[in-house]
Amino acid sequence: MKKNCYIVSSAVYTRTAPEKALERFYQTLHTIDSINARDNNADIFILDTGSGVLPEWLLNRFQKNVSFIDLSNHEKVKEISLESKRQSQLLVQRYTLKGKSKEETAVFIDHGYIKSVTESWAIQHFFEMEDLSIYDKVFKISGRYFLNEDFKLENFNNKFTFKKQAENIHGVDNISSVVWCFQGKYFNEFKVKWSNTIDWMLTEWNDKYTIRDLESSIWMGFGNTEEERQITYINKIGVMGIVNMTDGHKKAWSQ
């Protein structure tokens, strides 16, 4: 019986809140526990692109089916971090956020660029490291989110499985990047579509001076029509997380 692969995108250390690294680490442990509780046939790969290296005593907390891939010192991660500052200074001249100062808007753009571009690159980099066609299913879950009782493996018996968040936002549908899945036998095809997604997103940022997140880029990168995308959309993923609201409060969130 083939195993299932779970890719966990992660940034335990962040440059904006390094004091929360331990809290974020234990939230990542909860992510792993939630996977193992619902799939006893899982290989888990954590792709960490944070701003610091985890000490050995923390790395030893991971279970045996977890591989921790430290990309924090990778030159590409540093390059994206520098580029995010340039993009924020450039685009803050073109965009405003209601009720936000120019400085707050620049921070919003900076964080948005780092999150989407770093995460998408890390996954692409991992695709070049591993042959994921050996797996039955390949899942991606954002670190610090966790699977809940609504997660059912049988809901992901499709070529490519995503959840659509919103339709026709400035002509583009929004697709959740928190959890998605593809069947391992379609790995090479998915890898091409993922590369197309990154190309489209970076073209929007660099050539059109448009803020684009990963959620809107997936829909365009996978094809021009639903027939080309070959995506099956499901209503309930079975994932939860604690998200920060714009007013500073935290809220439980689920899909």
C-alpha atoms as a PDB file:
ATOM      1  CA  MET A   1       0.000   0.000   0.000  1.00  0.00           C
ATOM      2  CA  LYS A   2       1.395   3.368  -1.038  1.00  0.00           C
ATOM      3  CA  LYS A   3       1.930   6.049   1.563  1.00  0.00           C
ATOM      4  CA  ASN A   4       0.533   9.576   1.486  1.00  0.00           C
ATOM      5  CA  CYS A   5       2.787  12.631   1.490  1.00  0.00           C
ATOM      6  CA  TYR A   6       2.071  15.779   3.515  1.00  0.00           C
ATOM      7  CA  ILE A   7       3.997  18.952   2.710  1.00  0.00           C
ATOM      8  CA  VAL A   8       3.855  21.455   5.579  1.00  0.00           C
ATOM      9  CA  SER A   9       4.813  25.030   4.664  1.00  0.00           C
ATOM     10  CA  SER A  10       6.389  26.655   7.685  1.00  0.00           C
ATOM     11  CA  ALA A  11       8.119  29.748   9.088  1.00  0.00           C
ATOM     12  CA  VAL A  12       8.702  29.125  12.781  1.00  0.00           C
ATOM     13  CA  TYR A  13      10.949  32.143  13.199  1.00  0.00           C
ATOM     14  CA  THR A  14       9.702  35.380  11.625  1.00  0.00           C
ATOM     15  CA  ARG A  15      11.511  38.687  11.409  1.00  0.00           C
ATOM     16  CA  THR A  16       8.420  40.542  12.674  1.00  0.00           C
ATOM     17  CA  ALA A  17       7.762  38.385  15.760  1.00  0.00           C
ATOM     18  CA  PRO A  18      10.852  36.346  16.721  1.00  0.00           C
ATOM     19  CA  GLU A  19       9.596  36.168  20.310  1.00  0.00           C
ATOM     20  CA  LYS A  20       6.711  33.947  19.161  1.00  0.00           C
ATOM     21  CA  ALA A  21       8.960  31.229  17.675  1.00  0.00           C
ATOM     22  CA  LEU A  22       8.341  28.717  20.464  1.00  0.00           C
ATOM     23  CA  GLU A  23       4.591  29.236  20.282  1.00  0.00           C
ATOM     24  CA  ARG A  24       4.681  28.765  16.511  1.00  0.00           C
ATOM     25  CA  PHE A  25       6.803  25.620  16.911  1.00  0.00           C
ATOM     26  CA  TYR A  26       4.270  23.977  19.227  1.00  0.00           C
ATOM     27  CA  GLN A  27       1.477  24.943  16.846  1.00  0.00           C
ATOM     28  CA  THR A  28       3.445  23.143  14.109  1.00  0.00           C
ATOM     29  CA  LEU A  29       3.692  20.079  16.363  1.00  0.00           C
ATOM     30  CA  HIS A  30      -0.099  20.218  16.628  1.00  0.00           C
ATOM     31  CA  THR A  31      -0.287  20.263  12.812  1.00  0.00           C
ATOM     32  CA  ILE A  32       1.778  17.072  12.708  1.00  0.00           C
ATOM     33  CA  ASP A  33      -0.239  15.404  15.466  1.00  0.00           C
ATOM     34  CA  SER A  34      -3.467  16.159  13.584  1.00  0.00           C
ATOM     35  CA  ILE A  35      -2.088  14.511  10.427  1.00  0.00           C
ATOM     36  CA  ASN A  36      -0.913  11.384  12.231  1.00  0.00           C
ATOM     37  CA  ALA A  37      -4.223  11.119  14.076  1.00  0.00           C
ATOM     38  CA  ARG A  38      -6.115  10.925  10.773  1.00  0.00           C
ATOM     39  CA  ASP A  39      -3.658   9.118   8.520  1.00  0.00           C
ATOM     40  CA  ASN A  40      -1.455   6.308   9.863  1.00  0.00           C
ATOM     41  CA  ASN A  41       0.244   5.981   6.496  1.00  0.00           C
ATOM     42  CA  ALA A  42       1.824   9.429   6.242  1.00  0.00           C
ATOM     43  CA  ASP A  43       5.262  10.788   5.371  1.00  0.00           C
ATOM     44  CA  ILE A  44       5.475  14.424   6.522  1.00  0.00           C
ATOM     45  CA  PHE A  45       7.905  17.014   5.152  1.00  0.00           C
ATOM     46  CA  ILE A  46       8.211  20.405   6.849  1.00  0.00           C
ATOM     47  CA  LEU A  47       9.581  23.114   4.556  1.00  0.00           C
ATOM     48  CA  ASP A  48      10.770  25.856   6.901  1.00  0.00           C
ATOM     49  CA  THR A  49      11.627  29.221   5.365  1.00  0.00           C
ATOM     50  CA  GLY A  50      11.719  31.221   8.583  1.00  0.00           C
ATOM     51  CA  SER A  51      14.292  33.797   9.614  1.00  0.00           C
ATOM     52  CA  GLY A  52      16.147  31.577  12.080  1.00  0.00           C
ATOM     53  CA  VAL A  53      17.485  28.061  12.580  1.00  0.00           C
ATOM     54  CA  LEU A  54      15.733  25.761  15.050  1.00  0.00           C
ATOM     55  CA  PRO A  55      17.914  24.324  17.824  1.00  0.00           C
ATOM     56  CA  GLU A  56      18.542  20.592  17.950  1.00  0.00           C
ATOM     57  CA  TRP A  57      16.452  20.089  21.109  1.00  0.00           C
ATOM     58  CA  LEU A  58      13.368  21.319  19.251  1.00  0.00           C
ATOM     59  CA  LEU A  59      14.074  19.284  16.131  1.00  0.00           C
ATOM     60  CA  ASN A  60      14.246  16.172  18.314  1.00  0.00           C
ATOM     61  CA  ARG A  61      10.574  16.650  19.204  1.00  0.00           C
ATOM     62  CA  PHE A  62       9.434  15.617  15.733  1.00  0.00           C
ATOM     63  CA  GLN A  63       8.106  12.091  15.187  1.00  0.00           C
ATOM     64  CA  LYS A  64       9.984   9.541  13.092  1.00  0.00           C
ATOM     65  CA  ASN A  65       7.793  10.043  10.030  1.00  0.00           C
ATOM     66  CA  VAL A  66       8.690  13.755   9.876  1.00  0.00           C
ATOM     67  CA  SER A  67      11.506  15.207   7.758  1.00  0.00           C
ATOM     68  CA  PHE A  68      12.457  18.792   8.594  1.00  0.00           C
ATOM     69  CA  ILE A  69      13.887  20.671   5.602  1.00  0.00           C
ATOM     70  CA  ASP A  70      15.586  23.882   6.731  1.00  0.00           C
ATOM     71  CA  LEU A  71      15.522  26.474   3.952  1.00  0.00           C
ATOM     72  CA  SER A  72      16.004  29.465   6.248  1.00  0.00           C
ATOM     73  CA  ASN A  73      19.526  30.187   5.012  1.00  0.00           C
ATOM     74  CA  HIS A  74      18.866  29.434   1.361  1.00  0.00           C
ATOM     75  CA  GLU A  75      19.981  32.276  -0.913  1.00  0.00           C
ATOM     76  CA  LYS A  76      16.614  32.292  -2.670  1.00  0.00           C
ATOM     77  CA  VAL A  77      14.789  32.909   0.612  1.00  0.00           C
ATOM     78  CA  LYS A  78      17.089  35.851   1.353  1.00  0.00           C
ATOM     79  CA  GLU A  79      16.588  37.154  -2.191  1.00  0.00           C
ATOM     80  CA  ILE A  80      12.794  37.043  -1.845  1.00  0.00           C
ATOM     81  CA  SER A  81      13.002  38.875   1.484  1.00  0.00           C
ATOM     82  CA  LEU A  82      15.004  41.704  -0.091  1.00  0.00           C
ATOM     83  CA  GLU A  83      12.704  41.850  -3.109  1.00  0.00           C
ATOM     84  CA  SER A  84       9.647  42.131  -0.853  1.00  0.00           C
ATOM     85  CA  LYS A  85      10.989  45.397   0.553  1.00  0.00           C
ATOM     86  CA  ARG A  86      11.573  46.766  -2.937  1.00  0.00           C
ATOM     87  CA  GLN A  87       8.077  45.751  -4.040  1.00  0.00           C
ATOM     88  CA  SER A  88       6.459  47.318  -0.980  1.00  0.00           C
ATOM     89  CA  GLN A  89       8.235  50.639  -1.517  1.00  0.00           C
ATOM     90  CA  LEU A  90       7.281  50.636  -5.183  1.00  0.00           C
ATOM     91  CA  LEU A  91       3.641  49.578  -4.871  1.00  0.00           C
ATOM     92  CA  VAL A  92       2.817  51.672  -1.811  1.00  0.00           C
ATOM     93  CA  GLN A  93       2.904  54.597  -4.231  1.00  0.00           C
ATOM     94  CA  ARG A  94       0.044  53.012  -6.192  1.00  0.00           C
ATOM     95  CA  TYR A  95      -2.133  51.381  -3.510  1.00  0.00           C
ATOM     96  CA  THR A  96      -3.958  52.556  -0.403  1.00  0.00           C
ATOM     97  CA  LEU A  97      -5.722  50.562   2.307  1.00  0.00           C
ATOM     98  CA  LYS A  98      -8.779  52.009   3.969  1.00  0.00           C
ATOM     99  CA  GLY A  99      -7.970  53.215   7.473  1.00  0.00           C
ATOM    100  CA  LYS A 100      -4.275  52.352   7.114  1.00  0.00           C
ATOM    101  CA  SER A 101      -1.266  54.639   6.972  1.00  0.00           C
ATOM    102  CA  LYS A 102       1.253  54.529   4.153  1.00  0.00           C
ATOM    103  CA  GLU A 103       3.680  52.680   6.430  1.00  0.00           C
ATOM    104  CA  GLU A 104       1.047  50.093   7.395  1.00  0.00           C
ATOM    105  CA  THR A 105       0.172  49.601   3.730  1.00  0.00           C
ATOM    106  CA  ALA A 106       3.844  49.012   2.908  1.00  0.00           C
ATOM    107  CA  VAL A 107       4.040  46.359   5.654  1.00  0.00           C
ATOM    108  CA  PHE A 108       0.901  44.671   4.266  1.00  0.00           C
ATOM    109  CA  ILE A 109       2.420  44.518   0.773  1.00  0.00           C
ATOM    110  CA  ASP A 110       5.768  43.313   2.139  1.00  0.00           C
ATOM    111  CA  HIS A 111       4.183  40.475   4.127  1.00  0.00           C
ATOM    112  CA  GLY A 112       1.911  39.491   1.246  1.00  0.00           C
ATOM    113  CA  TYR A 113       4.820  39.201  -1.173  1.00  0.00           C
ATOM    114  CA  ILE A 114       6.977  37.201   1.245  1.00  0.00           C
ATOM    115  CA  LYS A 115       4.228  34.739   2.144  1.00  0.00           C
ATOM    116  CA  SER A 116       3.035  33.925  -1.370  1.00  0.00           C
ATOM    117  CA  VAL A 117       6.369  33.998  -3.199  1.00  0.00           C
ATOM    118  CA  THR A 118       8.396  32.195  -0.518  1.00  0.00           C
ATOM    119  CA  GLU A 119       5.806  29.454   0.005  1.00  0.00           C
ATOM    120  CA  SER A 120       5.336  28.806  -3.698  1.00  0.00           C
ATOM    121  CA  TRP A 121       9.095  28.726  -4.317  1.00  0.00           C
ATOM    122  CA  ALA A 122       9.728  26.356  -1.370  1.00  0.00           C
ATOM    123  CA  ILE A 123       7.186  23.899  -2.745  1.00  0.00           C
ATOM    124  CA  GLN A 124       8.661  24.146  -6.233  1.00  0.00           C
ATOM    125  CA  HIS A 125      12.137  23.574  -4.768  1.00  0.00           C
ATOM    126  CA  PHE A 126      10.871  20.507  -2.903  1.00  0.00           C
ATOM    127  CA  PHE A 127       9.355  19.165  -6.127  1.00  0.00           C
ATOM    128  CA  GLU A 128      12.861  19.177  -7.610  1.00  0.00           C
ATOM    129  CA  MET A 129      14.265  17.356  -4.559  1.00  0.00           C
ATOM    130  CA  GLU A 130      11.804  14.460  -4.351  1.00  0.00           C
ATOM    131  CA  ASP A 131       9.945  12.132  -6.700  1.00  0.00           C
ATOM    132  CA  LEU A 132       6.434  12.404  -5.309  1.00  0.00           C
ATOM    133  CA  SER A 133       4.984  10.011  -7.875  1.00  0.00           C
ATOM    134  CA  ILE A 134       5.759   7.203  -5.396  1.00  0.00           C
ATOM    135  CA  TYR A 135       2.894   8.412  -3.168  1.00  0.00           C
ATOM    136  CA  ASP A 136      -0.805   7.713  -3.444  1.00  0.00           C
ATOM    137  CA  LYS A 137      -1.846  11.248  -2.471  1.00  0.00           C
ATOM    138  CA  VAL A 138       0.222  14.384  -1.939  1.00  0.00           C
ATOM    139  CA  PHE A 139      -1.224  16.979   0.415  1.00  0.00           C
ATOM    140  CA  LYS A 140      -0.064  20.457   1.246  1.00  0.00           C
ATOM    141  CA  ILE A 141      -1.094  22.036   4.556  1.00  0.00           C
ATOM    142  CA  SER A 142      -0.025  25.422   5.881  1.00  0.00           C
ATOM    143  CA  GLY A 143       1.918  25.194   9.120  1.00  0.00           C
ATOM    144  CA  ARG A 144       0.076  25.914  12.374  1.00  0.00           C
ATOM    145  CA  TYR A 145      -3.250  24.882  10.831  1.00  0.00           C
ATOM    146  CA  PHE A 146      -4.530  21.445  11.777  1.00  0.00           C
ATOM    147  CA  LEU A 147      -6.816  18.781  10.369  1.00  0.00           C
ATOM    148  CA  ASN A 148     -10.100  18.236  12.219  1.00  0.00           C
ATOM    149  CA  GLU A 149     -12.859  15.609  12.320  1.00  0.00           C
ATOM    150  CA  ASP A 150     -14.224  16.789   8.944  1.00  0.00           C
ATOM    151  CA  PHE A 151     -11.047  15.663   7.141  1.00  0.00           C
ATOM    152  CA  LYS A 152     -11.765  12.512   5.125  1.00  0.00           C
ATOM    153  CA  LEU A 153      -9.144  10.909   2.899  1.00  0.00           C
ATOM    154  CA  GLU A 154     -11.820   9.677   0.501  1.00  0.00           C
ATOM    155  CA  ASN A 155     -12.768  13.281  -0.319  1.00  0.00           C
ATOM    156  CA  PHE A 156      -9.431  13.640  -2.103  1.00  0.00           C
ATOM    157  CA  ASN A 157      -9.705  10.782  -4.604  1.00  0.00           C
ATOM    158  CA  ASN A 158      -9.377  13.246  -7.484  1.00  0.00           C
ATOM    159  CA  LYS A 159      -6.635  14.298  -9.858  1.00  0.00           C
ATOM    160  CA  PHE A 160      -6.263  17.755  -8.277  1.00  0.00           C
ATOM    161  CA  THR A 161      -8.380  18.755  -5.259  1.00  0.00           C
ATOM    162  CA  PHE A 162      -8.830  22.322  -4.017  1.00  0.00           C
ATOM    163  CA  LYS A 163     -11.407  24.454  -2.236  1.00  0.00           C
ATOM    164  CA  LYS A 164     -12.641  27.597  -3.949  1.00  0.00           C
ATOM    165  CA  GLN A 165     -12.829  30.561  -1.561  1.00  0.00           C
ATOM    166  CA  ALA A 166     -14.443  33.224  -3.736  1.00  0.00           C
ATOM    167  CA  GLU A 167     -15.448  33.741  -7.342  1.00  0.00           C
ATOM    168  CA  ASN A 168     -14.781  36.567  -9.773  1.00  0.00           C
ATOM    169  CA  ILE A 169     -12.655  38.870  -7.630  1.00  0.00           C
ATOM    170  CA  HIS A 170     -11.550  41.354 -10.299  1.00  0.00           C
ATOM    171  CA  GLY A 171     -12.019  38.601 -12.869  1.00  0.00           C
ATOM    172  CA  VAL A 172     -10.124  35.902 -10.971  1.00  0.00           C
ATOM    173  CA  ASP A 173     -11.432  33.108  -8.742  1.00  0.00           C
ATOM    174  CA  ASN A 174      -9.780  32.714  -5.343  1.00  0.00           C
ATOM    175  CA  ILE A 175      -8.604  29.222  -4.339  1.00  0.00           C
ATOM    176  CA  SER A 176      -7.549  28.244  -0.825  1.00  0.00           C
ATOM    177  CA  SER A 177      -3.840  27.569  -0.425  1.00  0.00           C
ATOM    178  CA  VAL A 178      -4.182  26.250   3.147  1.00  0.00           C
ATOM    179  CA  VAL A 179      -4.833  22.646   2.095  1.00  0.00           C
ATOM    180  CA  TRP A 180      -4.797  21.089  -1.345  1.00  0.00           C
ATOM    181  CA  CYS A 181      -4.057  17.663  -2.773  1.00  0.00           C
ATOM    182  CA  PHE A 182      -3.091  15.833  -5.939  1.00  0.00           C
ATOM    183  CA  GLN A 183      -2.744  12.156  -6.777  1.00  0.00           C
ATOM    184  CA  GLY A 184       0.899  11.117  -6.902  1.00  0.00           C
ATOM    185  CA  LYS A 185       0.623   9.562 -10.346  1.00  0.00           C
ATOM    186  CA  TYR A 186      -0.029  13.057 -11.725  1.00  0.00           C
ATOM    187  CA  PHE A 187       3.036  14.571 -10.036  1.00  0.00           C
ATOM    188  CA  ASN A 188       4.807  15.675 -13.222  1.00  0.00           C
ATOM    189  CA  GLU A 189       1.682  17.324 -14.565  1.00  0.00           C
ATOM    190  CA  PHE A 190       1.038  19.099 -11.272  1.00  0.00           C
ATOM    191  CA  LYS A 191       4.654  20.272 -11.149  1.00  0.00           C
ATOM    192  CA  VAL A 192       4.246  22.026 -14.508  1.00  0.00           C
ATOM    193  CA  LYS A 193       1.029  23.706 -13.399  1.00  0.00           C
ATOM    194  CA  TRP A 194       2.694  24.840 -10.167  1.00  0.00           C
ATOM    195  CA  SER A 195       5.542  26.381 -12.144  1.00  0.00           C
ATOM    196  CA  ASN A 196       3.001  28.151 -14.361  1.00  0.00           C
ATOM    197  CA  THR A 197       1.310  29.489 -11.226  1.00  0.00           C
ATOM    198  CA  ILE A 198       4.555  31.043  -9.983  1.00  0.00           C
ATOM    199  CA  ASP A 199       5.335  32.510 -13.412  1.00  0.00           C
ATOM    200  CA  TRP A 200       1.886  34.120 -13.633  1.00  0.00           C
ATOM    201  CA  MET A 201       2.092  35.520 -10.109  1.00  0.00           C
ATOM    202  CA  LEU A 202       5.541  37.055 -10.588  1.00  0.00           C
ATOM    203  CA  THR A 203       4.520  38.550 -13.928  1.00  0.00           C
ATOM    204  CA  GLU A 204       1.614  40.274 -12.193  1.00  0.00           C
ATOM    205  CA  TRP A 205       3.944  41.719  -9.547  1.00  0.00           C
ATOM    206  CA  ASN A 206       6.904  42.642 -11.749  1.00  0.00           C
ATOM    207  CA  ASP A 207       5.373  43.595 -15.095  1.00  0.00           C
ATOM    208  CA  LYS A 208       1.885  44.780 -14.201  1.00  0.00           C
ATOM    209  CA  TYR A 209       2.589  46.229 -10.730  1.00  0.00           C
ATOM    210  CA  THR A 210      -0.356  44.250  -9.383  1.00  0.00           C
ATOM    211  CA  ILE A 211      -0.539  42.697  -5.917  1.00  0.00           C
ATOM    212  CA  ARG A 212      -1.237  39.000  -6.419  1.00  0.00           C
ATOM    213  CA  ASP A 213      -1.396  36.336  -3.742  1.00  0.00           C
ATOM    214  CA  LEU A 214      -1.033  32.611  -4.215  1.00  0.00           C
ATOM    215  CA  GLU A 215      -4.781  32.097  -3.803  1.00  0.00           C
ATOM    216  CA  SER A 216      -5.631  34.065  -6.941  1.00  0.00           C
ATOM    217  CA  SER A 217      -2.596  32.847  -8.884  1.00  0.00           C
ATOM    218  CA  ILE A 218      -3.414  29.128  -8.670  1.00  0.00           C
ATOM    219  CA  TRP A 219      -6.643  29.576 -10.628  1.00  0.00           C
ATOM    220  CA  MET A 220      -4.828  31.347 -13.478  1.00  0.00           C
ATOM    221  CA  GLY A 221      -1.681  29.244 -13.386  1.00  0.00           C
ATOM    222  CA  PHE A 222      -3.553  25.959 -13.763  1.00  0.00           C
ATOM    223  CA  GLY A 223      -5.194  26.933 -17.046  1.00  0.00           C
ATOM    224  CA  ASN A 224      -7.527  29.280 -18.844  1.00  0.00           C
ATOM    225  CA  THR A 225     -10.600  27.078 -18.516  1.00  0.00           C
ATOM    226  CA  GLU A 226     -11.921  24.600 -15.954  1.00  0.00           C
ATOM    227  CA  GLU A 227     -11.359  21.861 -18.520  1.00  0.00           C
ATOM    228  CA  GLU A 228      -7.673  22.790 -18.654  1.00  0.00           C
ATOM    229  CA  ARG A 229      -7.365  23.130 -14.868  1.00  0.00           C
ATOM    230  CA  GLN A 230      -8.808  19.651 -14.181  1.00  0.00           C
ATOM    231  CA  ILE A 231      -9.495  20.701 -10.594  1.00  0.00           C
ATOM    232  CA  THR A 232     -12.167  19.103  -8.414  1.00  0.00           C
ATOM    233  CA  TYR A 233     -13.487  21.642  -5.907  1.00  0.00           C
ATOM    234  CA  ILE A 234     -14.760  20.348  -2.573  1.00  0.00           C
ATOM    235  CA  ASN A 235     -16.914  22.242  -0.076  1.00  0.00           C
ATOM    236  CA  LYS A 236     -15.325  20.962   3.131  1.00  0.00           C
ATOM    237  CA  ILE A 237     -11.604  20.329   3.534  1.00  0.00           C
ATOM    238  CA  GLY A 238     -11.503  19.538   7.240  1.00  0.00           C
ATOM    239  CA  VAL A 239      -8.929  22.050   8.483  1.00  0.00           C
ATOM    240  CA  MET A 240      -8.881  24.623  11.279  1.00  0.00           C
ATOM    241  CA  GLY A 241      -6.592  27.373  12.504  1.00  0.00           C
ATOM    242  CA  ILE A 242      -6.362  30.470  14.654  1.00  0.00           C
ATOM    243  CA  VAL A 243      -6.092  33.573  12.481  1.00  0.00           C
ATOM    244  CA  ASN A 244      -5.230  37.154  13.361  1.00  0.00           C
ATOM    245  CA  MET A 245      -7.958  39.691  12.624  1.00  0.00           C
ATOM    246  CA  THR A 246      -7.322  43.226  11.385  1.00  0.00           C
ATOM    247  CA  ASP A 247      -8.458  44.593  14.767  1.00  0.00           C
ATOM    248  CA  GLY A 248      -5.735  42.630  16.555  1.00  0.00           C
ATOM    249  CA  HIS A 249      -8.009  39.879  17.906  1.00  0.00           C
ATOM    250  CA  LYS A 250      -7.685  36.167  17.121  1.00  0.00           C
ATOM    251  CA  LYS A 251     -10.434  34.018  15.652  1.00  0.00           C
ATOM    252  CA  ALA A 252     -10.973  30.300  15.083  1.00  0.00           C
ATOM    253  CA  TRP A 253     -11.231  29.603  11.339  1.00  0.00           C
ATOM    254  CA  SER A 254     -12.201  26.475   9.463  1.00  0.00           C
ATOM    255  CA  GLN A 255     -12.714  25.233   5.908  1.00  0.00           C
END
